[in-house]
């Protein structure tokens, strides 16, 4: 049960970020909120390689989303990043990678 609790705590910032999407219509404001959540998440719990994992997730998902959009698999109504996808999406993915890494380490 203790592992589940710690995994849940790692997921809270992601759940908060996803929960904000329908309430914040401005992508730039939402991106700033995401950056603030990420900074708080890193400040509360710092683990080795977090920035590396975040950066990998951030870049890898920009490339992946670009490929998905280019093939028509995905489309976005909010397209403030390169005119293709929401600006906040790579930040969400990047921190999602961090949360997954931390959860795997708990398991």
PDB file of N, CA and C in Angstrom:
ATOM      1  N   UNK A   1       0.827  -1.204   0.000  1.00  0.00           N
ATOM      2  CA  UNK A   1       0.000   0.000   0.000  1.00  0.00           C
ATOM      3  C   UNK A   1       0.867   1.262   0.000  1.00  0.00           C
ATOM      4  N   UNK A   2       2.024   1.169   0.656  1.00  0.00           N
ATOM      5  CA  UNK A   2       2.924   2.310   0.715  1.00  0.00           C
ATOM      6  C   UNK A   2       3.446   2.657  -0.681  1.00  0.00           C
ATOM      7  N   UNK A   3       3.732   1.649  -1.496  1.00  0.00           N
ATOM      8  CA  UNK A   3       4.196   1.891  -2.868  1.00  0.00           C
ATOM      9  C   UNK A   3       3.113   2.588  -3.682  1.00  0.00           C
ATOM     10  N   UNK A   4       1.872   2.127  -3.542  1.00  0.00           N
ATOM     11  CA  UNK A   4       0.766   2.752  -4.259  1.00  0.00           C
ATOM     12  C   UNK A   4       0.647   4.230  -3.881  1.00  0.00           C
ATOM     13  N   UNK A   5       0.783   4.523  -2.606  1.00  0.00           N
ATOM     14  CA  UNK A   5       0.696   5.902  -2.112  1.00  0.00           C
ATOM     15  C   UNK A   5       1.782   6.773  -2.747  1.00  0.00           C
ATOM     16  N   UNK A   6       3.014   6.270  -2.787  1.00  0.00           N
ATOM     17  CA  UNK A   6       4.113   7.040  -3.363  1.00  0.00           C
ATOM     18  C   UNK A   6       3.941   7.211  -4.872  1.00  0.00           C
ATOM     19  N   UNK A   7       3.459   6.189  -5.540  1.00  0.00           N
ATOM     20  CA  UNK A   7       3.196   6.303  -6.976  1.00  0.00           C
ATOM     21  C   UNK A   7       2.095   7.329  -7.221  1.00  0.00           C
ATOM     22  N   UNK A   8       1.049   7.293  -6.410  1.00  0.00           N
ATOM     23  CA  UNK A   8      -0.031   8.273  -6.528  1.00  0.00           C
ATOM     24  C   UNK A   8       0.497   9.700  -6.340  1.00  0.00           C
ATOM     25  N   UNK A   9       1.364   9.899  -5.343  1.00  0.00           N
ATOM     26  CA  UNK A   9       1.933  11.238  -5.119  1.00  0.00           C
ATOM     27  C   UNK A   9       2.737  11.704  -6.330  1.00  0.00           C
ATOM     28  N   UNK A  10       3.414  10.783  -7.009  1.00  0.00           N
ATOM     29  CA  UNK A  10       4.148  11.150  -8.224  1.00  0.00           C
ATOM     30  C   UNK A  10       3.200  11.516  -9.361  1.00  0.00           C
ATOM     31  N   UNK A  11       1.997  10.962  -9.338  1.00  0.00           N
ATOM     32  CA  UNK A  11       1.026  11.225 -10.402  1.00  0.00           C
ATOM     33  C   UNK A  11       0.219  12.503 -10.169  1.00  0.00           C
ATOM     34  N   UNK A  12       0.200  13.015  -8.961  1.00  0.00           N
ATOM     35  CA  UNK A  12      -0.615  14.193  -8.637  1.00  0.00           C
ATOM     36  C   UNK A  12      -0.308  15.389  -9.551  1.00  0.00           C
ATOM     37  N   UNK A  13       0.970  15.743  -9.783  1.00  0.00           N
ATOM     38  CA  UNK A  13       1.215  16.881 -10.691  1.00  0.00           C
ATOM     39  C   UNK A  13       0.675  16.638 -12.099  1.00  0.00           C
ATOM     40  N   UNK A  14       0.774  15.418 -12.589  1.00  0.00           N
ATOM     41  CA  UNK A  14       0.258  15.090 -13.922  1.00  0.00           C
ATOM     42  C   UNK A  14      -1.262  15.224 -13.938  1.00  0.00           C
ATOM     43  N   UNK A  15      -1.914  14.703 -12.909  1.00  0.00           N
ATOM     44  CA  UNK A  15      -3.370  14.808 -12.825  1.00  0.00           C
ATOM     45  C   UNK A  15      -3.809  16.273 -12.756  1.00  0.00           C
ATOM     46  N   UNK A  16      -3.074  17.074 -12.002  1.00  0.00           N
ATOM     47  CA  UNK A  16      -3.361  18.508 -11.915  1.00  0.00           C
ATOM     48  C   UNK A  16      -3.193  19.176 -13.278  1.00  0.00           C
ATOM     49  N   UNK A  17      -2.117  18.841 -13.968  1.00  0.00           N
ATOM     50  CA  UNK A  17      -1.868  19.435 -15.282  1.00  0.00           C
ATOM     51  C   UNK A  17      -2.982  19.077 -16.261  1.00  0.00           C
ATOM     52  N   UNK A  18      -3.364  17.815 -16.291  1.00  0.00           N
ATOM     53  CA  UNK A  18      -4.438  17.390 -17.186  1.00  0.00           C
ATOM     54  C   UNK A  18      -5.756  18.059 -16.792  1.00  0.00           C
ATOM     55  N   UNK A  19      -5.993  18.169 -15.492  1.00  0.00           N
ATOM     56  CA  UNK A  19      -7.221  18.792 -15.011  1.00  0.00           C
ATOM     57  C   UNK A  19      -7.344  20.260 -15.372  1.00  0.00           C
ATOM     58  N   UNK A  20      -6.228  20.934 -15.562  1.00  0.00           N
ATOM     59  CA  UNK A  20      -6.249  22.360 -15.903  1.00  0.00           C
ATOM     60  C   UNK A  20      -6.620  22.624 -17.364  1.00  0.00           C
ATOM     61  N   UNK A  21      -6.433  21.648 -18.227  1.00  0.00           N
ATOM     62  CA  UNK A  21      -6.605  21.867 -19.667  1.00  0.00           C
ATOM     63  C   UNK A  21      -7.971  22.467 -20.026  1.00  0.00           C
ATOM     64  N   UNK A  22      -9.087  21.915 -19.545  1.00  0.00           N
ATOM     65  CA  UNK A  22     -10.366  22.505 -19.958  1.00  0.00           C
ATOM     66  C   UNK A  22     -10.668  23.872 -19.332  1.00  0.00           C
ATOM     67  N   UNK A  23      -9.941  24.221 -18.282  1.00  0.00           N
ATOM     68  CA  UNK A  23     -10.236  25.458 -17.569  1.00  0.00           C
ATOM     69  C   UNK A  23      -9.360  26.641 -17.987  1.00  0.00           C
ATOM     70  N   UNK A  24      -8.228  26.360 -18.629  1.00  0.00           N
ATOM     71  CA  UNK A  24      -7.318  27.429 -19.052  1.00  0.00           C
ATOM     72  C   UNK A  24      -7.238  27.383 -20.576  1.00  0.00           C
ATOM     73  N   UNK A  25      -7.901  28.308 -21.224  1.00  0.00           N
ATOM     74  CA  UNK A  25      -7.981  28.272 -22.687  1.00  0.00           C
ATOM     75  C   UNK A  25      -6.777  28.914 -23.370  1.00  0.00           C
ATOM     76  N   UNK A  26      -6.027  29.717 -22.656  1.00  0.00           N
ATOM     77  CA  UNK A  26      -4.856  30.359 -23.243  1.00  0.00           C
ATOM     78  C   UNK A  26      -3.649  29.427 -23.088  1.00  0.00           C
ATOM     79  N   UNK A  27      -3.089  28.986 -24.212  1.00  0.00           N
ATOM     80  CA  UNK A  27      -1.982  28.040 -24.182  1.00  0.00           C
ATOM     81  C   UNK A  27      -0.742  28.599 -23.499  1.00  0.00           C
ATOM     82  N   UNK A  28      -0.510  29.883 -23.614  1.00  0.00           N
ATOM     83  CA  UNK A  28       0.672  30.488 -22.997  1.00  0.00           C
ATOM     84  C   UNK A  28       0.524  30.519 -21.477  1.00  0.00           C
ATOM     85  N   UNK A  29      -0.656  30.849 -21.006  1.00  0.00           N
ATOM     86  CA  UNK A  29      -0.924  30.820 -19.564  1.00  0.00           C
ATOM     87  C   UNK A  29      -0.811  29.398 -19.032  1.00  0.00           C
ATOM     88  N   UNK A  30      -1.387  28.455 -19.758  1.00  0.00           N
ATOM     89  CA  UNK A  30      -1.330  27.056 -19.333  1.00  0.00           C
ATOM     90  C   UNK A  30       0.113  26.569 -19.300  1.00  0.00           C
ATOM     91  N   UNK A  31       0.910  26.953 -20.268  1.00  0.00           N
ATOM     92  CA  UNK A  31       2.323  26.569 -20.290  1.00  0.00           C
ATOM     93  C   UNK A  31       3.053  27.124 -19.066  1.00  0.00           C
ATOM     94  N   UNK A  32       2.775  28.371 -18.722  1.00  0.00           N
ATOM     95  CA  UNK A  32       3.402  28.965 -17.532  1.00  0.00           C
ATOM     96  C   UNK A  32       2.972  28.236 -16.260  1.00  0.00           C
ATOM     97  N   UNK A  33       1.712  27.858 -16.182  1.00  0.00           N
ATOM     98  CA  UNK A  33       1.234  27.077 -15.032  1.00  0.00           C
ATOM     99  C   UNK A  33       1.940  25.728 -14.978  1.00  0.00           C
ATOM    100  N   UNK A  34       2.105  25.089 -16.135  1.00  0.00           N
ATOM    101  CA  UNK A  34       2.804  23.797 -16.190  1.00  0.00           C
ATOM    102  C   UNK A  34       4.252  23.944 -15.726  1.00  0.00           C
ATOM    103  N   UNK A  35       4.916  25.005 -16.172  1.00  0.00           N
ATOM    104  CA  UNK A  35       6.304  25.238 -15.765  1.00  0.00           C
ATOM    105  C   UNK A  35       6.376  25.426 -14.252  1.00  0.00           C
ATOM    106  N   UNK A  36       5.415  26.158 -13.686  1.00  0.00           N
ATOM    107  CA  UNK A  36       5.379  26.356 -12.235  1.00  0.00           C
ATOM    108  C   UNK A  36       5.165  25.027 -11.510  1.00  0.00           C
ATOM    109  N   UNK A  37       4.260  24.204 -12.012  1.00  0.00           N
ATOM    110  CA  UNK A  37       4.000  22.893 -11.396  1.00  0.00           C
ATOM    111  C   UNK A  37       5.253  22.018 -11.472  1.00  0.00           C
ATOM    112  N   UNK A  38       5.928  22.051 -12.597  1.00  0.00           N
ATOM    113  CA  UNK A  38       7.147  21.259 -12.768  1.00  0.00           C
ATOM    114  C   UNK A  38       8.238  21.724 -11.811  1.00  0.00           C
ATOM    115  N   UNK A  39       8.415  23.032 -11.677  1.00  0.00           N
ATOM    116  CA  UNK A  39       9.420  23.564 -10.753  1.00  0.00           C
ATOM    117  C   UNK A  39       9.109  23.140  -9.323  1.00  0.00           C
ATOM    118  N   UNK A  40       7.840  23.238  -8.936  1.00  0.00           N
ATOM    119  CA  UNK A  40       7.448  22.810  -7.585  1.00  0.00           C
ATOM    120  C   UNK A  40       7.683  21.305  -7.429  1.00  0.00           C
ATOM    121  N   UNK A  41       7.325  20.534  -8.446  1.00  0.00           N
ATOM    122  CA  UNK A  41       7.538  19.084  -8.389  1.00  0.00           C
ATOM    123  C   UNK A  41       9.004  18.730  -8.212  1.00  0.00           C
ATOM    124  N   UNK A  42       9.880  19.420  -8.934  1.00  0.00           N
ATOM    125  CA  UNK A  42      11.314  19.172  -8.790  1.00  0.00           C
ATOM    126  C   UNK A  42      11.831  19.671  -7.440  1.00  0.00           C
ATOM    127  N   UNK A  43      11.275  20.775  -6.951  1.00  0.00           N
ATOM    128  CA  UNK A  43      11.721  21.315  -5.663  1.00  0.00           C
ATOM    129  C   UNK A  43      11.316  20.408  -4.502  1.00  0.00           C
ATOM    130  N   UNK A  44      10.129  19.813  -4.599  1.00  0.00           N
ATOM    131  CA  UNK A  44       9.657  18.941  -3.522  1.00  0.00           C
ATOM    132  C   UNK A  44      10.379  17.603  -3.497  1.00  0.00           C
ATOM    133  N   UNK A  45      10.728  17.125  -4.679  1.00  0.00           N
ATOM    134  CA  UNK A  45      11.407  15.830  -4.751  1.00  0.00           C
ATOM    135  C   UNK A  45      12.386  15.857  -5.912  1.00  0.00           C
ATOM    136  N   UNK A  46      13.643  15.896  -5.587  1.00  0.00           N
ATOM    137  CA  UNK A  46      14.688  15.920  -6.605  1.00  0.00           C
ATOM    138  C   UNK A  46      15.352  14.557  -6.632  1.00  0.00           C
ATOM    139  N   UNK A  47      15.403  13.971  -7.808  1.00  0.00           N
ATOM    140  CA  UNK A  47      16.062  12.678  -7.969  1.00  0.00           C
ATOM    141  C   UNK A  47      17.093  12.790  -9.084  1.00  0.00           C
ATOM    142  N   UNK A  48      18.140  11.979  -9.002  1.00  0.00           N
ATOM    143  CA  UNK A  48      19.152  12.009 -10.061  1.00  0.00           C
ATOM    144  C   UNK A  48      18.526  11.754 -11.439  1.00  0.00           C
ATOM    145  N   UNK A  49      19.021  12.451 -12.406  1.00  0.00           N
ATOM    146  CA  UNK A  49      18.624  12.302 -13.809  1.00  0.00           C
ATOM    147  C   UNK A  49      17.223  12.818 -14.133  1.00  0.00           C
ATOM    148  N   UNK A  50      16.556  13.489 -13.217  1.00  0.00           N
ATOM    149  CA  UNK A  50      15.215  14.015 -13.504  1.00  0.00           C
ATOM    150  C   UNK A  50      15.222  14.967 -14.694  1.00  0.00           C
ATOM    151  N   UNK A  51      16.189  15.870 -14.729  1.00  0.00           N
ATOM    152  CA  UNK A  51      16.241  16.840 -15.825  1.00  0.00           C
ATOM    153  C   UNK A  51      16.540  16.128 -17.146  1.00  0.00           C
ATOM    154  N   UNK A  52      17.413  15.147 -17.114  1.00  0.00           N
ATOM    155  CA  UNK A  52      17.729  14.372 -18.316  1.00  0.00           C
ATOM    156  C   UNK A  52      16.481  13.656 -18.833  1.00  0.00           C
ATOM    157  N   UNK A  53      15.744  13.012 -17.948  1.00  0.00           N
ATOM    158  CA  UNK A  53      14.521  12.302 -18.333  1.00  0.00           C
ATOM    159  C   UNK A  53      13.478  13.294 -18.837  1.00  0.00           C
ATOM    160  N   UNK A  54      13.328  14.428 -18.161  1.00  0.00           N
ATOM    161  CA  UNK A  54      12.384  15.449 -18.594  1.00  0.00           C
ATOM    162  C   UNK A  54      12.735  15.927 -20.002  1.00  0.00           C
ATOM    163  N   UNK A  55      14.003  16.236 -20.222  1.00  0.00           N
ATOM    164  CA  UNK A  55      14.444  16.730 -21.526  1.00  0.00           C
ATOM    165  C   UNK A  55      14.231  15.688 -22.613  1.00  0.00           C
ATOM    166  N   UNK A  56      14.540  14.435 -22.303  1.00  0.00           N
ATOM    167  CA  UNK A  56      14.316  13.361 -23.272  1.00  0.00           C
ATOM    168  C   UNK A  56      12.836  13.272 -23.637  1.00  0.00           C
ATOM    169  N   UNK A  57      11.966  13.253 -22.624  1.00  0.00           N
ATOM    170  CA  UNK A  57      10.529  13.180 -22.878  1.00  0.00           C
ATOM    171  C   UNK A  57      10.020  14.373 -23.646  1.00  0.00           C
ATOM    172  N   UNK A  58      10.515  15.549 -23.304  1.00  0.00           N
ATOM    173  CA  UNK A  58      10.121  16.793 -23.966  1.00  0.00           C
ATOM    174  C   UNK A  58      10.452  16.726 -25.458  1.00  0.00           C
ATOM    175  N   UNK A  59      11.691  16.385 -25.777  1.00  0.00           N
ATOM    176  CA  UNK A  59      12.140  16.363 -27.170  1.00  0.00           C
ATOM    177  C   UNK A  59      11.534  15.177 -27.922  1.00  0.00           C
ATOM    178  N   UNK A  60      11.565  14.005 -27.309  1.00  0.00           N
ATOM    179  CA  UNK A  60      11.047  12.805 -27.978  1.00  0.00           C
ATOM    180  C   UNK A  60       9.573  12.956 -28.330  1.00  0.00           C
ATOM    181  N   UNK A  61       8.815  13.573 -27.473  1.00  0.00           N
ATOM    182  CA  UNK A  61       7.392  13.689 -27.742  1.00  0.00           C
ATOM    183  C   UNK A  61       7.094  14.807 -28.743  1.00  0.00           C
ATOM    184  N   UNK A  62       7.926  15.821 -28.825  1.00  0.00           N
ATOM    185  CA  UNK A  62       7.743  16.810 -29.896  1.00  0.00           C
ATOM    186  C   UNK A  62       7.923  16.105 -31.237  1.00  0.00           C
ATOM    187  N   UNK A  63       8.978  15.310 -31.343  1.00  0.00           N
ATOM    188  CA  UNK A  63       9.241  14.582 -32.585  1.00  0.00           C
ATOM    189  C   UNK A  63       8.115  13.593 -32.878  1.00  0.00           C
ATOM    190  N   UNK A  64       7.701  12.838 -31.864  1.00  0.00           N
ATOM    191  CA  UNK A  64       6.629  11.850 -32.052  1.00  0.00           C
ATOM    192  C   UNK A  64       5.314  12.507 -32.452  1.00  0.00           C
ATOM    193  N   UNK A  65       4.952  13.564 -31.745  1.00  0.00           N
ATOM    194  CA  UNK A  65       3.703  14.254 -32.076  1.00  0.00           C
ATOM    195  C   UNK A  65       3.770  14.837 -33.481  1.00  0.00           C
ATOM    196  N   UNK A  66       4.932  15.373 -33.855  1.00  0.00           N
ATOM    197  CA  UNK A  66       5.114  15.912 -35.204  1.00  0.00           C
ATOM    198  C   UNK A  66       4.863  14.821 -36.247  1.00  0.00           C
ATOM    199  N   UNK A  67       5.403  13.624 -35.997  1.00  0.00           N
ATOM    200  CA  UNK A  67       5.181  12.507 -36.926  1.00  0.00           C
ATOM    201  C   UNK A  67       3.706  12.094 -36.963  1.00  0.00           C
ATOM    202  N   UNK A  68       3.077  12.028 -35.811  1.00  0.00           N
ATOM    203  CA  UNK A  68       1.660  11.657 -35.757  1.00  0.00           C
ATOM    204  C   UNK A  68       0.798  12.679 -36.497  1.00  0.00           C
ATOM    205  N   UNK A  69       1.102  13.953 -36.297  1.00  0.00           N
ATOM    206  CA  UNK A  69       0.343  15.012 -36.969  1.00  0.00           C
ATOM    207  C   UNK A  69       0.595  14.962 -38.473  1.00  0.00           C
ATOM    208  N   UNK A  70       1.854  14.744 -38.838  1.00  0.00           N
ATOM    209  CA  UNK A  70       2.214  14.695 -40.254  1.00  0.00           C
ATOM    210  C   UNK A  70       1.558  13.556 -41.013  1.00  0.00           C
ATOM    211  N   UNK A  71       1.289  12.458 -40.323  1.00  0.00           N
ATOM    212  CA  UNK A  71       0.646  11.314 -40.974  1.00  0.00           C
ATOM    213  C   UNK A  71      -0.874  11.365 -40.849  1.00  0.00           C
ATOM    214  N   UNK A  72      -1.385  12.370 -40.143  1.00  0.00           N
ATOM    215  CA  UNK A  72      -2.830  12.511 -39.999  1.00  0.00           C
ATOM    216  C   UNK A  72      -3.426  11.683 -38.876  1.00  0.00           C
ATOM    217  N   UNK A  73      -2.586  11.034 -38.082  1.00  0.00           N
ATOM    218  CA  UNK A  73      -3.073  10.226 -36.963  1.00  0.00           C
ATOM    219  C   UNK A  73      -3.678  11.104 -35.881  1.00  0.00           C
ATOM    220  N   UNK A  74      -3.098  12.272 -35.678  1.00  0.00           N
ATOM    221  CA  UNK A  74      -3.580  13.209 -34.665  1.00  0.00           C
ATOM    222  C   UNK A  74      -3.786  14.584 -35.283  1.00  0.00           C
ATOM    223  N   UNK A  75      -4.728  15.301 -34.717  1.00  0.00           N
ATOM    224  CA  UNK A  75      -4.907  16.716 -35.035  1.00  0.00           C
ATOM    225  C   UNK A  75      -5.213  17.450 -33.734  1.00  0.00           C
ATOM    226  N   UNK A  76      -4.878  18.713 -33.689  1.00  0.00           N
ATOM    227  CA  UNK A  76      -5.135  19.521 -32.501  1.00  0.00           C
ATOM    228  C   UNK A  76      -5.853  20.791 -32.898  1.00  0.00           C
ATOM    229  N   UNK A  77      -6.809  21.195 -32.086  1.00  0.00           N
ATOM    230  CA  UNK A  77      -7.477  22.475 -32.279  1.00  0.00           C
ATOM    231  C   UNK A  77      -6.615  23.612 -31.746  1.00  0.00           C
ATOM    232  N   UNK A  78      -5.837  23.302 -30.731  1.00  0.00           N
ATOM    233  CA  UNK A  78      -4.935  24.280 -30.132  1.00  0.00           C
ATOM    234  C   UNK A  78      -3.547  23.988 -30.698  1.00  0.00           C
ATOM    235  N   UNK A  79      -3.030  24.886 -31.526  1.00  0.00           N
ATOM    236  CA  UNK A  79      -1.776  24.594 -32.213  1.00  0.00           C
ATOM    237  C   UNK A  79      -0.797  25.773 -32.131  1.00  0.00           C
ATOM    238  N   UNK A  80      -0.354  26.070 -30.921  1.00  0.00           N
ATOM    239  CA  UNK A  80       0.527  27.216 -30.697  1.00  0.00           C
ATOM    240  C   UNK A  80       2.009  26.868 -30.820  1.00  0.00           C
ATOM    241  N   UNK A  81       2.355  25.598 -30.936  1.00  0.00           N
ATOM    242  CA  UNK A  81       3.751  25.187 -31.104  1.00  0.00           C
ATOM    243  C   UNK A  81       3.963  24.748 -32.542  1.00  0.00           C
ATOM    244  N   UNK A  82       4.717  25.515 -33.289  1.00  0.00           N
ATOM    245  CA  UNK A  82       4.993  25.247 -34.704  1.00  0.00           C
ATOM    246  C   UNK A  82       3.726  25.220 -35.554  1.00  0.00           C
ATOM    247  N   UNK A  83       2.627  25.761 -35.036  1.00  0.00           N
ATOM    248  CA  UNK A  83       1.362  25.724 -35.758  1.00  0.00           C
ATOM    249  C   UNK A  83       0.783  24.325 -35.856  1.00  0.00           C
ATOM    250  N   UNK A  84       1.256  23.415 -35.013  1.00  0.00           N
ATOM    251  CA  UNK A  84       0.852  22.009 -35.111  1.00  0.00           C
ATOM    252  C   UNK A  84       0.209  21.444 -33.849  1.00  0.00           C
ATOM    253  N   UNK A  85       0.702  21.844 -32.690  1.00  0.00           N
ATOM    254  CA  UNK A  85       0.265  21.243 -31.432  1.00  0.00           C
ATOM    255  C   UNK A  85       0.260  22.303 -30.336  1.00  0.00           C
ATOM    256  N   UNK A  86      -0.377  22.007 -29.215  1.00  0.00           N
ATOM    257  CA  UNK A  86      -0.374  22.972 -28.111  1.00  0.00           C
ATOM    258  C   UNK A  86       1.029  23.153 -27.530  1.00  0.00           C
ATOM    259  N   UNK A  87       1.363  24.356 -27.183  1.00  0.00           N
ATOM    260  CA  UNK A  87       2.666  24.676 -26.604  1.00  0.00           C
ATOM    261  C   UNK A  87       2.918  23.913 -25.306  1.00  0.00           C
ATOM    262  N   UNK A  88       1.867  23.702 -24.531  1.00  0.00           N
ATOM    263  CA  UNK A  88       2.007  23.068 -23.225  1.00  0.00           C
ATOM    264  C   UNK A  88       2.204  21.554 -23.308  1.00  0.00           C
ATOM    265  N   UNK A  89       1.898  20.931 -24.427  1.00  0.00           N
ATOM    266  CA  UNK A  89       1.924  19.473 -24.531  1.00  0.00           C
ATOM    267  C   UNK A  89       3.298  18.860 -24.260  1.00  0.00           C
ATOM    268  N   UNK A  90       4.393  19.371 -24.814  1.00  0.00           N
ATOM    269  CA  UNK A  90       5.693  18.776 -24.504  1.00  0.00           C
ATOM    270  C   UNK A  90       6.071  18.873 -23.024  1.00  0.00           C
ATOM    271  N   UNK A  91       5.612  19.921 -22.345  1.00  0.00           N
ATOM    272  CA  UNK A  91       5.878  20.038 -20.910  1.00  0.00           C
ATOM    273  C   UNK A  91       5.135  18.947 -20.141  1.00  0.00           C
ATOM    274  N   UNK A  92       3.898  18.700 -20.539  1.00  0.00           N
ATOM    275  CA  UNK A  92       3.121  17.621 -19.916  1.00  0.00           C
ATOM    276  C   UNK A  92       3.793  16.273 -20.157  1.00  0.00           C
ATOM    277  N   UNK A  93       4.183  16.005 -21.384  1.00  0.00           N
ATOM    278  CA  UNK A  93       4.865  14.746 -21.706  1.00  0.00           C
ATOM    279  C   UNK A  93       6.190  14.636 -20.964  1.00  0.00           C
ATOM    280  N   UNK A  94       6.953  15.707 -20.944  1.00  0.00           N
ATOM    281  CA  UNK A  94       8.260  15.672 -20.278  1.00  0.00           C
ATOM    282  C   UNK A  94       8.136  15.312 -18.816  1.00  0.00           C
ATOM    283  N   UNK A  95       7.197  15.959 -18.119  1.00  0.00           N
ATOM    284  CA  UNK A  95       7.028  15.638 -16.704  1.00  0.00           C
ATOM    285  C   UNK A  95       6.379  14.269 -16.531  1.00  0.00           C
ATOM    286  N   UNK A  96       5.580  13.857 -17.503  1.00  0.00           N
ATOM    287  CA  UNK A  96       5.018  12.507 -17.469  1.00  0.00           C
ATOM    288  C   UNK A  96       6.117  11.460 -17.487  1.00  0.00           C
ATOM    289  N   UNK A  97       7.150  11.689 -18.286  1.00  0.00           N
ATOM    290  CA  UNK A  97       8.293  10.774 -18.310  1.00  0.00           C
ATOM    291  C   UNK A  97       8.963  10.714 -16.941  1.00  0.00           C
ATOM    292  N   UNK A  98       9.101  11.857 -16.288  1.00  0.00           N
ATOM    293  CA  UNK A  98       9.702  11.905 -14.962  1.00  0.00           C
ATOM    294  C   UNK A  98       8.852  11.102 -13.973  1.00  0.00           C
ATOM    295  N   UNK A  99       7.542  11.288 -14.011  1.00  0.00           N
ATOM    296  CA  UNK A  99       6.650  10.573 -13.101  1.00  0.00           C
ATOM    297  C   UNK A  99       6.720   9.061 -13.354  1.00  0.00           C
ATOM    298  N   UNK A 100       6.810   8.661 -14.594  1.00  0.00           N
ATOM    299  CA  UNK A 100       6.933   7.228 -14.913  1.00  0.00           C
ATOM    300  C   UNK A 100       8.249   6.682 -14.384  1.00  0.00           C
ATOM    301  N   UNK A 101       9.340   7.415 -14.599  1.00  0.00           N
ATOM    302  CA  UNK A 101      10.651   6.982 -14.099  1.00  0.00           C
ATOM    303  C   UNK A 101      10.616   6.799 -12.582  1.00  0.00           C
ATOM    304  N   UNK A 102      10.055   7.767 -11.905  1.00  0.00           N
ATOM    305  CA  UNK A 102       9.990   7.692 -10.441  1.00  0.00           C
ATOM    306  C   UNK A 102       9.125   6.519  -9.993  1.00  0.00           C
ATOM    307  N   UNK A 103       8.032   6.289 -10.681  1.00  0.00           N
ATOM    308  CA  UNK A 103       7.145   5.176 -10.319  1.00  0.00           C
ATOM    309  C   UNK A 103       7.814   3.827 -10.545  1.00  0.00           C
ATOM    310  N   UNK A 104       8.545   3.705 -11.620  1.00  0.00           N
ATOM    311  CA  UNK A 104       9.269   2.451 -11.894  1.00  0.00           C
ATOM    312  C   UNK A 104      10.315   2.216 -10.799  1.00  0.00           C
ATOM    313  N   UNK A 105      10.983   3.266 -10.373  1.00  0.00           N
ATOM    314  CA  UNK A 105      11.972   3.114  -9.300  1.00  0.00           C
ATOM    315  C   UNK A 105      11.319   2.691  -7.987  1.00  0.00           C
ATOM    316  N   UNK A 106      10.102   3.132  -7.737  1.00  0.00           N
ATOM    317  CA  UNK A 106       9.380   2.728  -6.528  1.00  0.00           C
ATOM    318  C   UNK A 106       9.033   1.247  -6.597  1.00  0.00           C
ATOM    319  N   UNK A 107       8.610   0.828  -7.774  1.00  0.00           N
ATOM    320  CA  UNK A 107       8.236  -0.591  -7.943  1.00  0.00           C
ATOM    321  C   UNK A 107       9.469  -1.489  -7.862  1.00  0.00           C
TER     322      UNK A 107
END
